[in-house]
Amino acid sequence: MKISGADNMNEEGTVVRVEGNRARVLATRGSACESCGSRSLCHPFGGNSKNVEIEAINAANARVGNVVNISIQSSTVMKAAFIVYMIPILMLFAGVFLGKWFADKNNYDADLISLLAGIFAFSVTFLILKLTSKRFSGKAEYIPVITEIKE
């Protein structure tokens, strides 16, 4: 069974667990991971496993042991990467510039205030992302889909 889609990132893996309409797929980091500039961030504390377990929507009704293709839209991956990486950096810069502006207006040490404001804005942004991550991770568009059973 195959469900096709254009402009998708695809990987192959083995179903290790089925839970309702979702499945856990053990995939080898492949071509999509090799070209990703953030691949080292998947294991920031020194893990070097070549395998990753991915939760996917089981649209193809795969069973444990099946080799499957999983797919997610490239635009969704790019949107998620923007939210996780770019927004905190943009908020860091906004905090630095607002801190400098505030310090200049009030005759405070501009370097210290801009540093503290940048760190504060960066930290608050990560806190907000952490608190809202459950809402995003539950959306179907952010979850890969099993598109084909190979074996």
C-alpha atoms as a PDB file:
ATOM      1  CA  MET A   1       0.000   0.000   0.000  1.00  0.00           C
ATOM      2  CA  LYS A   2       1.363   3.419  -0.933  1.00  0.00           C
ATOM      3  CA  ILE A   3       0.074   6.905  -0.183  1.00  0.00           C
ATOM      4  CA  SER A   4       1.838   9.433  -2.384  1.00  0.00           C
ATOM      5  CA  GLY A   5       2.649  13.082  -1.808  1.00  0.00           C
ATOM      6  CA  ALA A   6       4.756  15.719  -3.489  1.00  0.00           C
ATOM      7  CA  ASP A   7       7.532  17.685  -1.811  1.00  0.00           C
ATOM      8  CA  ASN A   8       7.907  15.316   1.143  1.00  0.00           C
ATOM      9  CA  MET A   9      10.860  14.153   3.208  1.00  0.00           C
ATOM     10  CA  ASN A  10      10.871  10.340   3.279  1.00  0.00           C
ATOM     11  CA  GLU A  11      12.668   7.773   5.414  1.00  0.00           C
ATOM     12  CA  GLU A  12      12.510   4.015   5.766  1.00  0.00           C
ATOM     13  CA  GLY A  13      12.228   2.163   9.055  1.00  0.00           C
ATOM     14  CA  THR A  14      10.836  -0.825  10.938  1.00  0.00           C
ATOM     15  CA  VAL A  15       7.661  -0.680  13.016  1.00  0.00           C
ATOM     16  CA  VAL A  16       8.512  -1.575  16.615  1.00  0.00           C
ATOM     17  CA  ARG A  17       5.180  -0.777  18.301  1.00  0.00           C
ATOM     18  CA  VAL A  18       1.603  -0.001  17.246  1.00  0.00           C
ATOM     19  CA  GLU A  19      -0.635   2.099  19.515  1.00  0.00           C
ATOM     20  CA  GLY A  20      -4.075   2.733  18.016  1.00  0.00           C
ATOM     21  CA  ASN A  21      -3.715   4.806  14.845  1.00  0.00           C
ATOM     22  CA  ARG A  22      -0.068   5.594  15.636  1.00  0.00           C
ATOM     23  CA  ALA A  23       3.065   3.507  15.332  1.00  0.00           C
ATOM     24  CA  ARG A  24       6.619   3.782  16.570  1.00  0.00           C
ATOM     25  CA  VAL A  25       9.121   3.341  13.748  1.00  0.00           C
ATOM     26  CA  LEU A  26      12.817   2.658  14.263  1.00  0.00           C
ATOM     27  CA  ALA A  27      14.578   4.408  11.396  1.00  0.00           C
ATOM     28  CA  THR A  28      18.212   4.745  10.430  1.00  0.00           C
ATOM     29  CA  ARG A  29      19.278   8.335  10.077  1.00  0.00           C
ATOM     30  CA  GLY A  30      19.308   8.643   6.325  1.00  0.00           C
ATOM     31  CA  SER A  31      19.469  11.101   3.495  1.00  0.00           C
ATOM     32  CA  ALA A  32      17.213  13.695   5.103  1.00  0.00           C
ATOM     33  CA  CYS A  33      19.387  13.658   8.232  1.00  0.00           C
ATOM     34  CA  GLU A  34      22.647  13.785   6.265  1.00  0.00           C
ATOM     35  CA  SER A  35      21.679  17.022   4.541  1.00  0.00           C
ATOM     36  CA  CYS A  36      20.286  18.658   7.703  1.00  0.00           C
ATOM     37  CA  GLY A  37      22.468  21.374   9.172  1.00  0.00           C
ATOM     38  CA  SER A  38      21.085  20.625  12.643  1.00  0.00           C
ATOM     39  CA  ARG A  39      21.665  16.865  12.661  1.00  0.00           C
ATOM     40  CA  SER A  40      24.169  17.136  15.540  1.00  0.00           C
ATOM     41  CA  LEU A  41      21.461  18.683  17.729  1.00  0.00           C
ATOM     42  CA  CYS A  42      19.474  15.436  17.740  1.00  0.00           C
ATOM     43  CA  HIS A  43      22.028  14.094  20.241  1.00  0.00           C
ATOM     44  CA  PRO A  44      23.562  17.212  21.819  1.00  0.00           C
ATOM     45  CA  PHE A  45      25.135  15.342  24.764  1.00  0.00           C
ATOM     46  CA  GLY A  46      27.342  13.003  22.807  1.00  0.00           C
ATOM     47  CA  GLY A  47      24.913  10.312  21.688  1.00  0.00           C
ATOM     48  CA  ASN A  48      25.950   8.931  18.340  1.00  0.00           C
ATOM     49  CA  SER A  49      23.216   6.430  17.579  1.00  0.00           C
ATOM     50  CA  LYS A  50      22.453   6.014  13.910  1.00  0.00           C
ATOM     51  CA  ASN A  51      18.885   5.015  14.768  1.00  0.00           C
ATOM     52  CA  VAL A  52      15.980   7.152  15.880  1.00  0.00           C
ATOM     53  CA  GLU A  53      12.516   6.098  17.049  1.00  0.00           C
ATOM     54  CA  ILE A  54       9.801   8.152  15.384  1.00  0.00           C
ATOM     55  CA  GLU A  55       6.112   8.331  16.213  1.00  0.00           C
ATOM     56  CA  ALA A  56       4.079   8.258  13.002  1.00  0.00           C
ATOM     57  CA  ILE A  57       0.445   8.161  11.959  1.00  0.00           C
ATOM     58  CA  ASN A  58      -0.232   4.604  10.814  1.00  0.00           C
ATOM     59  CA  ALA A  59      -2.154   5.465   7.611  1.00  0.00           C
ATOM     60  CA  ALA A  60      -0.998   2.263   5.901  1.00  0.00           C
ATOM     61  CA  ASN A  61      -2.121  -0.021   8.775  1.00  0.00           C
ATOM     62  CA  ALA A  62       1.385  -1.376   9.335  1.00  0.00           C
ATOM     63  CA  ARG A  63       2.091  -4.071  11.916  1.00  0.00           C
ATOM     64  CA  VAL A  64       5.056  -4.661  14.196  1.00  0.00           C
ATOM     65  CA  GLY A  65       8.013  -5.883  12.142  1.00  0.00           C
ATOM     66  CA  ASN A  66       6.887  -4.281   8.860  1.00  0.00           C
ATOM     67  CA  VAL A  67       9.468  -2.248   6.964  1.00  0.00           C
ATOM     68  CA  VAL A  68       7.760   1.012   6.043  1.00  0.00           C
ATOM     69  CA  ASN A  69       8.285   4.386   4.417  1.00  0.00           C
ATOM     70  CA  ILE A  70       7.466   7.400   6.573  1.00  0.00           C
ATOM     71  CA  SER A  71       6.896  10.846   5.162  1.00  0.00           C
ATOM     72  CA  ILE A  72       6.413  14.428   6.311  1.00  0.00           C
ATOM     73  CA  GLN A  73       5.995  17.578   4.248  1.00  0.00           C
ATOM     74  CA  SER A  74       9.224  19.530   3.786  1.00  0.00           C
ATOM     75  CA  SER A  75       7.405  22.801   4.430  1.00  0.00           C
ATOM     76  CA  THR A  76       6.291  21.518   7.838  1.00  0.00           C
ATOM     77  CA  VAL A  77       9.870  20.648   8.769  1.00  0.00           C
ATOM     78  CA  MET A  78      11.038  24.094   7.663  1.00  0.00           C
ATOM     79  CA  LYS A  79       8.264  25.811   9.635  1.00  0.00           C
ATOM     80  CA  ALA A  80       9.115  23.843  12.773  1.00  0.00           C
ATOM     81  CA  ALA A  81      12.832  24.596  12.351  1.00  0.00           C
ATOM     82  CA  PHE A  82      12.042  28.312  12.007  1.00  0.00           C
ATOM     83  CA  ILE A  83       9.971  28.276  15.192  1.00  0.00           C
ATOM     84  CA  VAL A  84      12.566  26.367  17.220  1.00  0.00           C
ATOM     85  CA  TYR A  85      15.738  28.052  15.949  1.00  0.00           C
ATOM     86  CA  MET A  86      15.016  31.446  14.434  1.00  0.00           C
ATOM     87  CA  ILE A  87      12.410  32.878  16.799  1.00  0.00           C
ATOM     88  CA  PRO A  88      14.659  32.569  19.895  1.00  0.00           C
ATOM     89  CA  ILE A  89      17.561  34.162  18.019  1.00  0.00           C
ATOM     90  CA  LEU A  90      15.343  37.000  16.783  1.00  0.00           C
ATOM     91  CA  MET A  91      14.097  37.541  20.341  1.00  0.00           C
ATOM     92  CA  LEU A  92      17.683  37.577  21.609  1.00  0.00           C
ATOM     93  CA  PHE A  93      18.522  40.399  19.201  1.00  0.00           C
ATOM     94  CA  ALA A  94      15.291  42.232  20.057  1.00  0.00           C
ATOM     95  CA  GLY A  95      16.164  42.004  23.754  1.00  0.00           C
ATOM     96  CA  VAL A  96      19.677  43.299  23.140  1.00  0.00           C
ATOM     97  CA  PHE A  97      18.443  46.265  21.083  1.00  0.00           C
ATOM     98  CA  LEU A  98      15.625  47.104  23.497  1.00  0.00           C
ATOM     99  CA  GLY A  99      18.021  46.802  26.430  1.00  0.00           C
ATOM    100  CA  LYS A 100      20.481  49.182  24.773  1.00  0.00           C
ATOM    101  CA  TRP A 101      17.709  51.646  23.960  1.00  0.00           C
ATOM    102  CA  PHE A 102      16.411  51.497  27.564  1.00  0.00           C
ATOM    103  CA  ALA A 103      19.909  51.873  29.040  1.00  0.00           C
ATOM    104  CA  ASP A 104      20.722  54.860  26.814  1.00  0.00           C
ATOM    105  CA  LYS A 105      17.444  56.571  27.755  1.00  0.00           C
ATOM    106  CA  ASN A 106      18.027  56.078  31.490  1.00  0.00           C
ATOM    107  CA  ASN A 107      21.816  56.492  31.706  1.00  0.00           C
ATOM    108  CA  TYR A 108      22.509  52.896  32.721  1.00  0.00           C
ATOM    109  CA  ASP A 109      25.415  50.721  31.620  1.00  0.00           C
ATOM    110  CA  ALA A 110      24.322  49.892  28.049  1.00  0.00           C
ATOM    111  CA  ASP A 111      26.489  46.769  27.743  1.00  0.00           C
ATOM    112  CA  LEU A 112      25.219  45.193  30.947  1.00  0.00           C
ATOM    113  CA  ILE A 113      21.550  46.047  30.401  1.00  0.00           C
ATOM    114  CA  SER A 114      21.550  44.905  26.765  1.00  0.00           C
ATOM    115  CA  LEU A 115      23.253  41.637  27.770  1.00  0.00           C
ATOM    116  CA  LEU A 116      20.711  40.979  30.534  1.00  0.00           C
ATOM    117  CA  ALA A 117      17.751  41.963  28.335  1.00  0.00           C
ATOM    118  CA  GLY A 118      18.976  39.687  25.515  1.00  0.00           C
ATOM    119  CA  ILE A 119      19.427  36.728  27.850  1.00  0.00           C
ATOM    120  CA  PHE A 120      16.037  37.405  29.419  1.00  0.00           C
ATOM    121  CA  ALA A 121      14.233  37.592  26.046  1.00  0.00           C
ATOM    122  CA  PHE A 122      16.014  34.458  24.795  1.00  0.00           C
ATOM    123  CA  SER A 123      15.143  32.511  27.965  1.00  0.00           C
ATOM    124  CA  VAL A 124      11.514  33.628  28.021  1.00  0.00           C
ATOM    125  CA  THR A 125      11.148  32.596  24.375  1.00  0.00           C
ATOM    126  CA  PHE A 126      12.438  29.092  25.136  1.00  0.00           C
ATOM    127  CA  LEU A 127      10.119  28.861  28.128  1.00  0.00           C
ATOM    128  CA  ILE A 128       7.139  29.845  25.963  1.00  0.00           C
ATOM    129  CA  LEU A 129       8.180  27.304  23.302  1.00  0.00           C
ATOM    130  CA  LYS A 130       8.476  24.602  25.949  1.00  0.00           C
ATOM    131  CA  LEU A 131       5.057  25.421  27.406  1.00  0.00           C
ATOM    132  CA  THR A 132       3.379  25.444  23.980  1.00  0.00           C
ATOM    133  CA  SER A 133       5.249  22.470  22.468  1.00  0.00           C
ATOM    134  CA  LYS A 134       2.573  19.951  23.504  1.00  0.00           C
ATOM    135  CA  ARG A 135      -0.014  21.925  21.536  1.00  0.00           C
ATOM    136  CA  PHE A 136       2.118  21.800  18.381  1.00  0.00           C
ATOM    137  CA  SER A 137       3.320  18.211  18.778  1.00  0.00           C
ATOM    138  CA  GLY A 138      -0.266  16.961  18.913  1.00  0.00           C
ATOM    139  CA  LYS A 139      -1.164  18.475  15.538  1.00  0.00           C
ATOM    140  CA  ALA A 140      -1.314  15.932  12.733  1.00  0.00           C
ATOM    141  CA  GLU A 141       0.667  18.156  10.353  1.00  0.00           C
ATOM    142  CA  TYR A 142       3.737  17.866  12.617  1.00  0.00           C
ATOM    143  CA  ILE A 143       3.602  14.067  12.812  1.00  0.00           C
ATOM    144  CA  PRO A 144       5.123  11.904  10.053  1.00  0.00           C
ATOM    145  CA  VAL A 145       2.832   9.463   8.237  1.00  0.00           C
ATOM    146  CA  ILE A 146       3.506   5.843   7.310  1.00  0.00           C
ATOM    147  CA  THR A 147       2.921   6.000   3.562  1.00  0.00           C
ATOM    148  CA  GLU A 148       3.965   2.539   2.384  1.00  0.00           C
ATOM    149  CA  ILE A 149       4.552  -0.952   3.696  1.00  0.00           C
ATOM    150  CA  LYS A 150       7.611  -2.439   1.999  1.00  0.00           C
ATOM    151  CA  GLU A 151       7.695  -5.889   3.620  1.00  0.00           C
END
